[in-house]
PDB file of all heavy atoms in Angstrom:
ATOM      1  N   GLU A   1      72.424 120.350 106.709  1.00  0.00           N
ATOM      2  CA  GLU A   1      71.359 121.349 106.674  1.00  0.00           C
ATOM      3  C   GLU A   1      70.880 121.679 108.078  1.00  0.00           C
ATOM      4  O   GLU A   1      70.954 120.860 108.995  1.00  0.00           O
ATOM      5  CB  GLU A   1      70.167 120.841 105.851  1.00  0.00           C
ATOM      6  CG  GLU A   1      70.501 120.438 104.426  1.00  0.00           C
ATOM      7  CD  GLU A   1      70.687 118.947 104.288  1.00  0.00           C
ATOM      8  OE1 GLU A   1      71.104 118.302 105.279  1.00  0.00           O
ATOM      9  OE2 GLU A   1      70.416 118.412 103.192  1.00  0.00           O
ATOM     10  N   SER A   2      70.329 122.870 108.219  1.00  0.00           N
ATOM     11  CA  SER A   2      69.696 123.280 109.457  1.00  0.00           C
ATOM     12  C   SER A   2      68.659 124.348 109.145  1.00  0.00           C
ATOM     13  O   SER A   2      68.667 124.940 108.068  1.00  0.00           O
ATOM     14  CB  SER A   2      70.718 123.800 110.471  1.00  0.00           C
ATOM     15  OG  SER A   2      71.384 124.946 109.980  1.00  0.00           O
ATOM     16  N   GLY A   3      67.769 124.590 110.090  1.00  0.00           N
ATOM     17  CA  GLY A   3      66.809 125.672 109.971  1.00  0.00           C
ATOM     18  C   GLY A   3      65.385 125.264 109.675  1.00  0.00           C
ATOM     19  O   GLY A   3      64.496 126.129 109.640  1.00  0.00           O
ATOM     20  N   GLY A   4      65.139 123.991 109.463  1.00  0.00           N
ATOM     21  CA  GLY A   4      63.784 123.556 109.199  1.00  0.00           C
ATOM     22  C   GLY A   4      62.922 123.606 110.444  1.00  0.00           C
ATOM     23  O   GLY A   4      63.400 123.795 111.557  1.00  0.00           O
ATOM     24  N   GLY A   5      61.625 123.439 110.239  1.00  0.00           N
ATOM     25  CA  GLY A   5      60.700 123.453 111.353  1.00  0.00           C
ATOM     26  C   GLY A   5      59.272 123.606 110.896  1.00  0.00           C
ATOM     27  O   GLY A   5      58.958 123.469 109.709  1.00  0.00           O
ATOM     28  N   LEU A   6      58.415 123.900 111.849  1.00  0.00           N
ATOM     29  CA  LEU A   6      56.994 124.097 111.611  1.00  0.00           C
ATOM     30  C   LEU A   6      56.694 125.585 111.544  1.00  0.00           C
ATOM     31  O   LEU A   6      57.109 126.348 112.427  1.00  0.00           O
ATOM     32  CB  LEU A   6      56.178 123.447 112.725  1.00  0.00           C
ATOM     33  CG  LEU A   6      54.665 123.658 112.701  1.00  0.00           C
ATOM     34  CD1 LEU A   6      54.052 123.012 111.470  1.00  0.00           C
ATOM     35  CD2 LEU A   6      54.043 123.114 113.975  1.00  0.00           C
ATOM     36  N   VAL A   7      55.969 125.987 110.524  1.00  0.00           N
ATOM     37  CA  VAL A   7      55.625 127.393 110.342  1.00  0.00           C
ATOM     38  C   VAL A   7      54.212 127.488 109.785  1.00  0.00           C
ATOM     39  O   VAL A   7      53.758 126.592 109.066  1.00  0.00           O
ATOM     40  CB  VAL A   7      56.648 128.096 109.418  1.00  0.00           C
ATOM     41  CG1 VAL A   7      56.588 127.521 108.006  1.00  0.00           C
ATOM     42  CG2 VAL A   7      56.442 129.596 109.403  1.00  0.00           C
ATOM     43  N   GLN A   8      53.517 128.561 110.120  1.00  0.00           N
ATOM     44  CA  GLN A   8      52.174 128.781 109.602  1.00  0.00           C
ATOM     45  C   GLN A   8      52.215 129.306 108.176  1.00  0.00           C
ATOM     46  O   GLN A   8      53.202 129.923 107.761  1.00  0.00           O
ATOM     47  CB  GLN A   8      51.419 129.763 110.496  1.00  0.00           C
ATOM     48  CG  GLN A   8      51.115 129.233 111.878  1.00  0.00           C
ATOM     49  CD  GLN A   8      50.297 130.203 112.695  1.00  0.00           C
ATOM     50  OE1 GLN A   8      50.307 131.404 112.455  1.00  0.00           O
ATOM     51  NE2 GLN A   8      49.577 129.694 113.680  1.00  0.00           N
ATOM     52  N   PRO A   9      51.154 129.074 107.413  1.00  0.00           N
ATOM     53  CA  PRO A   9      51.102 129.664 106.076  1.00  0.00           C
ATOM     54  C   PRO A   9      51.319 131.170 106.120  1.00  0.00           C
ATOM     55  O   PRO A   9      50.793 131.862 106.992  1.00  0.00           O
ATOM     56  CB  PRO A   9      49.695 129.316 105.591  1.00  0.00           C
ATOM     57  CG  PRO A   9      49.347 128.075 106.344  1.00  0.00           C
ATOM     58  CD  PRO A   9      49.989 128.234 107.699  1.00  0.00           C
ATOM     59  N   GLY A  10      52.105 131.653 105.178  1.00  0.00           N
ATOM     60  CA  GLY A  10      52.471 133.055 105.147  1.00  0.00           C
ATOM     61  C   GLY A  10      53.720 133.393 105.923  1.00  0.00           C
ATOM     62  O   GLY A  10      54.234 134.519 105.801  1.00  0.00           O
ATOM     63  N   GLY A  11      54.226 132.456 106.691  1.00  0.00           N
ATOM     64  CA  GLY A  11      55.412 132.683 107.483  1.00  0.00           C
ATOM     65  C   GLY A  11      56.688 132.502 106.700  1.00  0.00           C
ATOM     66  O   GLY A  11      56.677 132.280 105.486  1.00  0.00           O
ATOM     67  N   SER A  12      57.808 132.577 107.417  1.00  0.00           N
ATOM     68  CA  SER A  12      59.129 132.515 106.801  1.00  0.00           C
ATOM     69  C   SER A  12      60.037 131.570 107.565  1.00  0.00           C
ATOM     70  O   SER A  12      59.892 131.378 108.778  1.00  0.00           O
ATOM     71  CB  SER A  12      59.775 133.903 106.763  1.00  0.00           C
ATOM     72  OG  SER A  12      59.031 134.816 105.984  1.00  0.00           O
ATOM     73  N   LEU A  13      60.971 130.992 106.839  1.00  0.00           N
ATOM     74  CA  LEU A  13      62.047 130.199 107.403  1.00  0.00           C
ATOM     75  C   LEU A  13      63.306 130.468 106.608  1.00  0.00           C
ATOM     76  O   LEU A  13      63.239 130.815 105.422  1.00  0.00           O
ATOM     77  CB  LEU A  13      61.748 128.703 107.364  1.00  0.00           C
ATOM     78  CG  LEU A  13      60.761 128.122 108.371  1.00  0.00           C
ATOM     79  CD1 LEU A  13      60.509 126.653 108.047  1.00  0.00           C
ATOM     80  CD2 LEU A  13      61.283 128.262 109.788  1.00  0.00           C
ATOM     81  N   ARG A  14      64.444 130.274 107.255  1.00  0.00           N
ATOM     82  CA  ARG A  14      65.730 130.381 106.584  1.00  0.00           C
ATOM     83  C   ARG A  14      66.512 129.092 106.815  1.00  0.00           C
ATOM     84  O   ARG A  14      66.830 128.752 107.955  1.00  0.00           O
ATOM     85  CB  ARG A  14      66.538 131.562 107.102  1.00  0.00           C
ATOM     86  CG  ARG A  14      67.772 131.878 106.260  1.00  0.00           C
ATOM     87  CD  ARG A  14      68.689 132.837 106.972  1.00  0.00           C
ATOM     88  NE  ARG A  14      69.684 133.419 106.076  1.00  0.00           N
ATOM     89  CZ  ARG A  14      70.839 133.938 106.480  1.00  0.00           C
ATOM     90  NH1 ARG A  14      71.136 133.966 107.771  1.00  0.00           N
ATOM     91  NH2 ARG A  14      71.679 134.452 105.594  1.00  0.00           N
ATOM     92  N   LEU A  15      66.816 128.405 105.732  1.00  0.00           N
ATOM     93  CA  LEU A  15      67.603 127.191 105.792  1.00  0.00           C
ATOM     94  C   LEU A  15      69.070 127.501 105.545  1.00  0.00           C
ATOM     95  O   LEU A  15      69.403 128.394 104.766  1.00  0.00           O
ATOM     96  CB  LEU A  15      67.124 126.177 104.755  1.00  0.00           C
ATOM     97  CG  LEU A  15      65.642 125.806 104.770  1.00  0.00           C
ATOM     98  CD1 LEU A  15      65.367 124.738 103.715  1.00  0.00           C
ATOM     99  CD2 LEU A  15      65.207 125.342 106.148  1.00  0.00           C
ATOM    100  N   SER A  16      69.933 126.736 106.197  1.00  0.00           N
ATOM    101  CA  SER A  16      71.366 126.868 106.005  1.00  0.00           C
ATOM    102  C   SER A  16      71.959 125.512 105.658  1.00  0.00           C
ATOM    103  O   SER A  16      71.482 124.477 106.121  1.00  0.00           O
ATOM    104  CB  SER A  16      72.048 127.403 107.266  1.00  0.00           C
ATOM    105  OG  SER A  16      71.589 128.693 107.594  1.00  0.00           O
ATOM    106  N   CYS A  17      72.995 125.537 104.859  1.00  0.00           N
ATOM    107  CA  CYS A  17      73.722 124.334 104.482  1.00  0.00           C
ATOM    108  C   CYS A  17      75.205 124.607 104.640  1.00  0.00           C
ATOM    109  O   CYS A  17      75.758 125.477 103.946  1.00  0.00           O
ATOM    110  CB  CYS A  17      73.404 123.939 103.041  1.00  0.00           C
ATOM    111  SG  CYS A  17      74.387 122.561 102.419  1.00  0.00           S
ATOM    112  N   ALA A  18      75.845 123.872 105.531  1.00  0.00           N
ATOM    113  CA  ALA A  18      77.268 124.039 105.800  1.00  0.00           C
ATOM    114  C   ALA A  18      78.062 122.957 105.090  1.00  0.00           C
ATOM    115  O   ALA A  18      77.770 121.767 105.235  1.00  0.00           O
ATOM    116  CB  ALA A  18      77.540 123.995 107.298  1.00  0.00           C
ATOM    117  N   ARG A  19      79.068 123.375 104.349  1.00  0.00           N
ATOM    118  CA  ARG A  19      79.905 122.460 103.595  1.00  0.00           C
ATOM    119  C   ARG A  19      81.229 122.236 104.308  1.00  0.00           C
ATOM    120  O   ARG A  19      81.823 123.170 104.857  1.00  0.00           O
ATOM    121  CB  ARG A  19      80.164 123.022 102.198  1.00  0.00           C
ATOM    122  CG  ARG A  19      81.124 122.192 101.355  1.00  0.00           C
ATOM    123  CD  ARG A  19      81.359 122.829  99.989  1.00  0.00           C
ATOM    124  NE  ARG A  19      82.039 124.118 100.074  1.00  0.00           N
ATOM    125  CZ  ARG A  19      83.358 124.282 100.115  1.00  0.00           C
ATOM    126  NH1 ARG A  19      84.154 123.209 100.104  1.00  0.00           N
ATOM    127  NH2 ARG A  19      83.890 125.496 100.168  1.00  0.00           N
ATOM    128  N   SER A  20      81.716 121.000 104.247  1.00  0.00           N
ATOM    129  CA  SER A  20      83.042 120.671 104.740  1.00  0.00           C
ATOM    130  C   SER A  20      83.660 119.619 103.829  1.00  0.00           C
ATOM    131  O   SER A  20      82.981 119.010 103.006  1.00  0.00           O
ATOM    132  CB  SER A  20      83.001 120.174 106.186  1.00  0.00           C
ATOM    133  OG  SER A  20      82.253 118.975 106.292  1.00  0.00           O
ATOM    134  N   GLY A  21      84.956 119.411 103.991  1.00  0.00           N
ATOM    135  CA  GLY A  21      85.666 118.455 103.159  1.00  0.00           C
ATOM    136  C   GLY A  21      86.243 119.115 101.919  1.00  0.00           C
ATOM    137  O   GLY A  21      85.929 120.256 101.574  1.00  0.00           O
ATOM    138  N   ASN A  22      87.092 118.367 101.262  1.00  0.00           N
ATOM    139  CA  ASN A  22      87.801 118.884 100.097  1.00  0.00           C
ATOM    140  C   ASN A  22      87.064 118.565  98.813  1.00  0.00           C
ATOM    141  O   ASN A  22      86.463 117.494  98.661  1.00  0.00           O
ATOM    142  CB  ASN A  22      89.207 118.284 100.031  1.00  0.00           C
ATOM    143  CG  ASN A  22      90.079 118.696 101.201  1.00  0.00           C
ATOM    144  OD1 ASN A  22      90.005 119.830 101.667  1.00  0.00           O
ATOM    145  ND2 ASN A  22      90.902 117.777 101.676  1.00  0.00           N
ATOM    146  N   ILE A  23      87.134 119.493  97.895  1.00  0.00           N
ATOM    147  CA  ILE A  23      86.632 119.269  96.543  1.00  0.00           C
ATOM    148  C   ILE A  23      87.435 120.152  95.608  1.00  0.00           C
ATOM    149  O   ILE A  23      87.811 121.279  95.952  1.00  0.00           O
ATOM    150  CB  ILE A  23      85.121 119.545  96.439  1.00  0.00           C
ATOM    151  CG1 ILE A  23      84.595 119.061  95.086  1.00  0.00           C
ATOM    152  CG2 ILE A  23      84.808 121.016  96.671  1.00  0.00           C
ATOM    153  CD1 ILE A  23      83.087 119.004  95.018  1.00  0.00           C
ATOM    154  N   PHE A  24      87.696 119.638  94.425  1.00  0.00           N
ATOM    155  CA  PHE A  24      88.528 120.349  93.470  1.00  0.00           C
ATOM    156  C   PHE A  24      87.848 121.611  92.944  1.00  0.00           C
ATOM    157  O   PHE A  24      88.483 122.660  92.807  1.00  0.00           O
ATOM    158  CB  PHE A  24      88.909 119.416  92.314  1.00  0.00           C
ATOM    159  CG  PHE A  24      89.768 120.059  91.273  1.00  0.00           C
ATOM    160  CD1 PHE A  24      91.106 120.312  91.519  1.00  0.00           C
ATOM    161  CD2 PHE A  24      89.247 120.415  90.041  1.00  0.00           C
ATOM    162  CE1 PHE A  24      91.911 120.913  90.565  1.00  0.00           C
ATOM    163  CE2 PHE A  24      90.035 121.013  89.076  1.00  0.00           C
ATOM    164  CZ  PHE A  24      91.368 121.262  89.339  1.00  0.00           C
ATOM    165  N   SER A  25      86.574 121.506  92.655  1.00  0.00           N
ATOM    166  CA  SER A  25      85.829 122.644  92.143  1.00  0.00           C
ATOM    167  C   SER A  25      84.356 122.447  92.471  1.00  0.00           C
ATOM    168  O   SER A  25      83.922 121.347  92.819  1.00  0.00           O
ATOM    169  CB  SER A  25      86.031 122.816  90.636  1.00  0.00           C
ATOM    170  OG  SER A  25      85.539 121.696  89.925  1.00  0.00           O
ATOM    171  N   ILE A  26      83.597 123.515  92.347  1.00  0.00           N
ATOM    172  CA  ILE A  26      82.170 123.486  92.605  1.00  0.00           C
ATOM    173  C   ILE A  26      81.458 124.100  91.412  1.00  0.00           C
ATOM    174  O   ILE A  26      81.733 125.236  91.031  1.00  0.00           O
ATOM    175  CB  ILE A  26      81.805 124.247  93.887  1.00  0.00           C
ATOM    176  CG1 ILE A  26      82.457 123.595  95.094  1.00  0.00           C
ATOM    177  CG2 ILE A  26      80.287 124.314  94.055  1.00  0.00           C
ATOM    178  CD1 ILE A  26      82.295 124.387  96.369  1.00  0.00           C
ATOM    179  N   ASN A  27      80.550 123.354  90.852  1.00  0.00           N
ATOM    180  CA  ASN A  27      79.719 123.875  89.778  1.00  0.00           C
ATOM    181  C   ASN A  27      78.543 124.672  90.329  1.00  0.00           C
ATOM    182  O   ASN A  27      78.250 125.769  89.865  1.00  0.00           O
ATOM    183  CB  ASN A  27      79.229 122.735  88.889  1.00  0.00           C
ATOM    184  CG  ASN A  27      78.292 123.206  87.802  1.00  0.00           C
ATOM    185  OD1 ASN A  27      77.089 122.967  87.863  1.00  0.00           O
ATOM    186  ND2 ASN A  27      78.851 123.893  86.815  1.00  0.00           N
ATOM    187  N   ALA A  28      77.877 124.106  91.331  1.00  0.00           N
ATOM    188  CA  ALA A  28      76.713 124.755  91.906  1.00  0.00           C
ATOM    189  C   ALA A  28      76.400 124.154  93.264  1.00  0.00           C
ATOM    190  O   ALA A  28      76.790 123.024  93.565  1.00  0.00           O
ATOM    191  CB  ALA A  28      75.498 124.610  90.989  1.00  0.00           C
ATOM    192  N   MET A  29      75.690 124.913  94.071  1.00  0.00           N
ATOM    193  CA  MET A  29      75.093 124.424  95.294  1.00  0.00           C
ATOM    194  C   MET A  29      73.660 124.919  95.349  1.00  0.00           C
ATOM    195  O   MET A  29      73.310 125.902  94.694  1.00  0.00           O
ATOM    196  CB  MET A  29      75.858 124.890  96.529  1.00  0.00           C
ATOM    197  CG  MET A  29      77.251 124.302  96.656  1.00  0.00           C
ATOM    198  SD  MET A  29      78.075 124.769  98.205  1.00  0.00           S
ATOM    199  CE  MET A  29      77.049 123.910  99.409  1.00  0.00           C
ATOM    200  N   GLY A  30      72.846 124.236  96.127  1.00  0.00           N
ATOM    201  CA  GLY A  30      71.470 124.673  96.234  1.00  0.00           C
ATOM    202  C   GLY A  30      70.616 123.683  96.980  1.00  0.00           C
ATOM    203  O   GLY A  30      71.104 122.953  97.852  1.00  0.00           O
ATOM    204  N   TRP A  31      69.343 123.654  96.590  1.00  0.00           N
ATOM    205  CA  TRP A  31      68.344 122.942  97.363  1.00  0.00           C
ATOM    206  C   TRP A  31      67.370 122.198  96.474  1.00  0.00           C
ATOM    207  O   TRP A  31      66.854 122.746  95.488  1.00  0.00           O
ATOM    208  CB  TRP A  31      67.548 123.923  98.236  1.00  0.00           C
ATOM    209  CG  TRP A  31      68.401 124.682  99.190  1.00  0.00           C
ATOM    210  CD1 TRP A  31      69.062 125.851  98.967  1.00  0.00           C
ATOM    211  CD2 TRP A  31      68.702 124.305 100.537  1.00  0.00           C
ATOM    212  NE1 TRP A  31      69.754 126.235 100.092  1.00  0.00           N
ATOM    213  CE2 TRP A  31      69.547 125.294 101.071  1.00  0.00           C
ATOM    214  CE3 TRP A  31      68.327 123.223 101.342  1.00  0.00           C
ATOM    215  CZ2 TRP A  31      70.029 125.246 102.374  1.00  0.00           C
ATOM    216  CZ3 TRP A  31      68.809 123.172 102.628  1.00  0.00           C
ATOM    217  CH2 TRP A  31      69.647 124.174 103.134  1.00  0.00           C
ATOM    218  N   TYR A  32      67.141 120.944  96.802  1.00  0.00           N
ATOM    219  CA  TYR A  32      66.023 120.159  96.322  1.00  0.00           C
ATOM    220  C   TYR A  32      65.032 119.975  97.460  1.00  0.00           C
ATOM    221  O   TYR A  32      65.374 120.153  98.637  1.00  0.00           O
ATOM    222  CB  TYR A  32      66.479 118.787  95.832  1.00  0.00           C
ATOM    223  CG  TYR A  32      67.059 118.752  94.438  1.00  0.00           C
ATOM    224  CD1 TYR A  32      68.357 119.175  94.196  1.00  0.00           C
ATOM    225  CD2 TYR A  32      66.316 118.261  93.375  1.00  0.00           C
ATOM    226  CE1 TYR A  32      68.894 119.128  92.929  1.00  0.00           C
ATOM    227  CE2 TYR A  32      66.846 118.200  92.099  1.00  0.00           C
ATOM    228  CZ  TYR A  32      68.140 118.638  91.884  1.00  0.00           C
ATOM    229  OH  TYR A  32      68.659 118.571  90.620  1.00  0.00           O
ATOM    230  N   ARG A  33      63.826 119.610  97.109  1.00  0.00           N
ATOM    231  CA  ARG A  33      62.856 119.229  98.117  1.00  0.00           C
ATOM    232  C   ARG A  33      62.070 118.019  97.652  1.00  0.00           C
ATOM    233  O   ARG A  33      61.932 117.779  96.453  1.00  0.00           O
ATOM    234  CB  ARG A  33      61.904 120.381  98.469  1.00  0.00           C
ATOM    235  CG  ARG A  33      60.950 120.788  97.354  1.00  0.00           C
ATOM    236  CD  ARG A  33      60.143 122.012  97.785  1.00  0.00           C
ATOM    237  NE  ARG A  33      59.204 122.443  96.758  1.00  0.00           N
ATOM    238  CZ  ARG A  33      58.486 123.555  96.824  1.00  0.00           C
ATOM    239  NH1 ARG A  33      58.599 124.361  97.894  1.00  0.00           N
ATOM    240  NH2 ARG A  33      57.649 123.871  95.838  1.00  0.00           N
ATOM    241  N   HIS A  34      61.573 117.263  98.617  1.00  0.00           N
ATOM    242  CA  HIS A  34      60.799 116.068  98.342  1.00  0.00           C
ATOM    243  C   HIS A  34      59.506 116.131  99.145  1.00  0.00           C
ATOM    244  O   HIS A  34      59.485 115.745 100.320  1.00  0.00           O
ATOM    245  CB  HIS A  34      61.601 114.821  98.708  1.00  0.00           C
ATOM    246  CG  HIS A  34      61.002 113.565  98.177  1.00  0.00           C
ATOM    247  ND1 HIS A  34      61.629 112.340  98.282  1.00  0.00           N
ATOM    248  CD2 HIS A  34      59.832 113.328  97.538  1.00  0.00           C
ATOM    249  CE1 HIS A  34      60.881 111.417  97.728  1.00  0.00           C
ATOM    250  NE2 HIS A  34      59.780 111.993  97.265  1.00  0.00           N
ATOM    251  N   PRO A  35      58.429 116.629  98.528  1.00  0.00           N
ATOM    252  CA  PRO A  35      57.151 116.671  99.240  1.00  0.00           C
ATOM    253  C   PRO A  35      56.591 115.267  99.439  1.00  0.00           C
ATOM    254  O   PRO A  35      56.880 114.360  98.648  1.00  0.00           O
ATOM    255  CB  PRO A  35      56.247 117.486  98.302  1.00  0.00           C
ATOM    256  CG  PRO A  35      57.183 118.167  97.347  1.00  0.00           C
ATOM    257  CD  PRO A  35      58.362 117.249  97.216  1.00  0.00           C
ATOM    258  N   PRO A  36      55.777 115.060 100.454  1.00  0.00           N
ATOM    259  CA  PRO A  36      55.203 113.731 100.663  1.00  0.00           C
ATOM    260  C   PRO A  36      54.314 113.330  99.496  1.00  0.00           C
ATOM    261  O   PRO A  36      53.457 114.101  99.054  1.00  0.00           O
ATOM    262  CB  PRO A  36      54.402 113.885 101.961  1.00  0.00           C
ATOM    263  CG  PRO A  36      54.146 115.351 102.087  1.00  0.00           C
ATOM    264  CD  PRO A  36      55.331 116.024 101.472  1.00  0.00           C
ATOM    265  N   GLY A  37      54.527 112.138  98.994  1.00  0.00           N
ATOM    266  CA  GLY A  37      53.725 111.620  97.900  1.00  0.00           C
ATOM    267  C   GLY A  37      54.030 112.202  96.541  1.00  0.00           C
ATOM    268  O   GLY A  37      53.304 111.917  95.577  1.00  0.00           O
ATOM    269  N   LYS A  38      55.071 113.009  96.436  1.00  0.00           N
ATOM    270  CA  LYS A  38      55.431 113.631  95.178  1.00  0.00           C
ATOM    271  C   LYS A  38      56.896 113.375  94.861  1.00  0.00           C
ATOM    272  O   LYS A  38      57.651 112.875  95.695  1.00  0.00           O
ATOM    273  CB  LYS A  38      55.156 115.135  95.223  1.00  0.00           C
ATOM    274  CG  LYS A  38      53.703 115.505  95.451  1.00  0.00           C
ATOM    275  CD  LYS A  38      53.517 117.010  95.458  1.00  0.00           C
ATOM    276  CE  LYS A  38      52.065 117.387  95.672  1.00  0.00           C
ATOM    277  NZ  LYS A  38      51.887 118.860  95.698  1.00  0.00           N
ATOM    278  N   GLU A  39      57.275 113.749  93.650  1.00  0.00           N
ATOM    279  CA  GLU A  39      58.649 113.548  93.217  1.00  0.00           C
ATOM    280  C   GLU A  39      59.556 114.658  93.735  1.00  0.00           C
ATOM    281  O   GLU A  39      59.122 115.776  94.009  1.00  0.00           O
ATOM    282  CB  GLU A  39      58.719 113.494  91.691  1.00  0.00           C
ATOM    283  CG  GLU A  39      57.950 112.342  91.066  1.00  0.00           C
ATOM    284  CD  GLU A  39      58.530 110.997  91.437  1.00  0.00           C
ATOM    285  OE1 GLU A  39      59.770 110.890  91.543  1.00  0.00           O
ATOM    286  OE2 GLU A  39      57.741 110.060  91.629  1.00  0.00           O
ATOM    287  N   ARG A  40      60.821 114.325  93.856  1.00  0.00           N
ATOM    288  CA  ARG A  40      61.821 115.313  94.215  1.00  0.00           C
ATOM    289  C   ARG A  40      61.914 116.381  93.131  1.00  0.00           C
ATOM    290  O   ARG A  40      61.808 116.084  91.939  1.00  0.00           O
ATOM    291  CB  ARG A  40      63.179 114.631  94.402  1.00  0.00           C
ATOM    292  CG  ARG A  40      64.304 115.542  94.838  1.00  0.00           C
ATOM    293  CD  ARG A  40      65.629 114.811  94.792  1.00  0.00           C
ATOM    294  NE  ARG A  40      65.981 114.453  93.427  1.00  0.00           N
ATOM    295  CZ  ARG A  40      67.045 113.726  93.102  1.00  0.00           C
ATOM    296  NH1 ARG A  40      67.850 113.267  94.053  1.00  0.00           N
ATOM    297  NH2 ARG A  40      67.296 113.453  91.823  1.00  0.00           N
ATOM    298  N   GLU A  41      62.120 117.624  93.539  1.00  0.00           N
ATOM    299  CA  GLU A  41      62.226 118.710  92.586  1.00  0.00           C
ATOM    300  C   GLU A  41      63.308 119.692  93.015  1.00  0.00           C
ATOM    301  O   GLU A  41      63.558 119.898  94.206  1.00  0.00           O
ATOM    302  CB  GLU A  41      60.887 119.444  92.432  1.00  0.00           C
ATOM    303  CG  GLU A  41      60.407 120.126  93.701  1.00  0.00           C
ATOM    304  CD  GLU A  41      59.085 120.846  93.519  1.00  0.00           C
ATOM    305  OE1 GLU A  41      58.613 120.974  92.367  1.00  0.00           O
ATOM    306  OE2 GLU A  41      58.509 121.289  94.540  1.00  0.00           O
TER     307      GLU A  41
END
């Protein structure tokens, strides 16, 4: 992953995820997040 950082409320960020290595097939890709003190979602 790349693209994270500090931003003010109302601002924008763009995250990127680069894949490498072999895999037979892909069902899905995407993003989870883990806020402090909370569960992963």
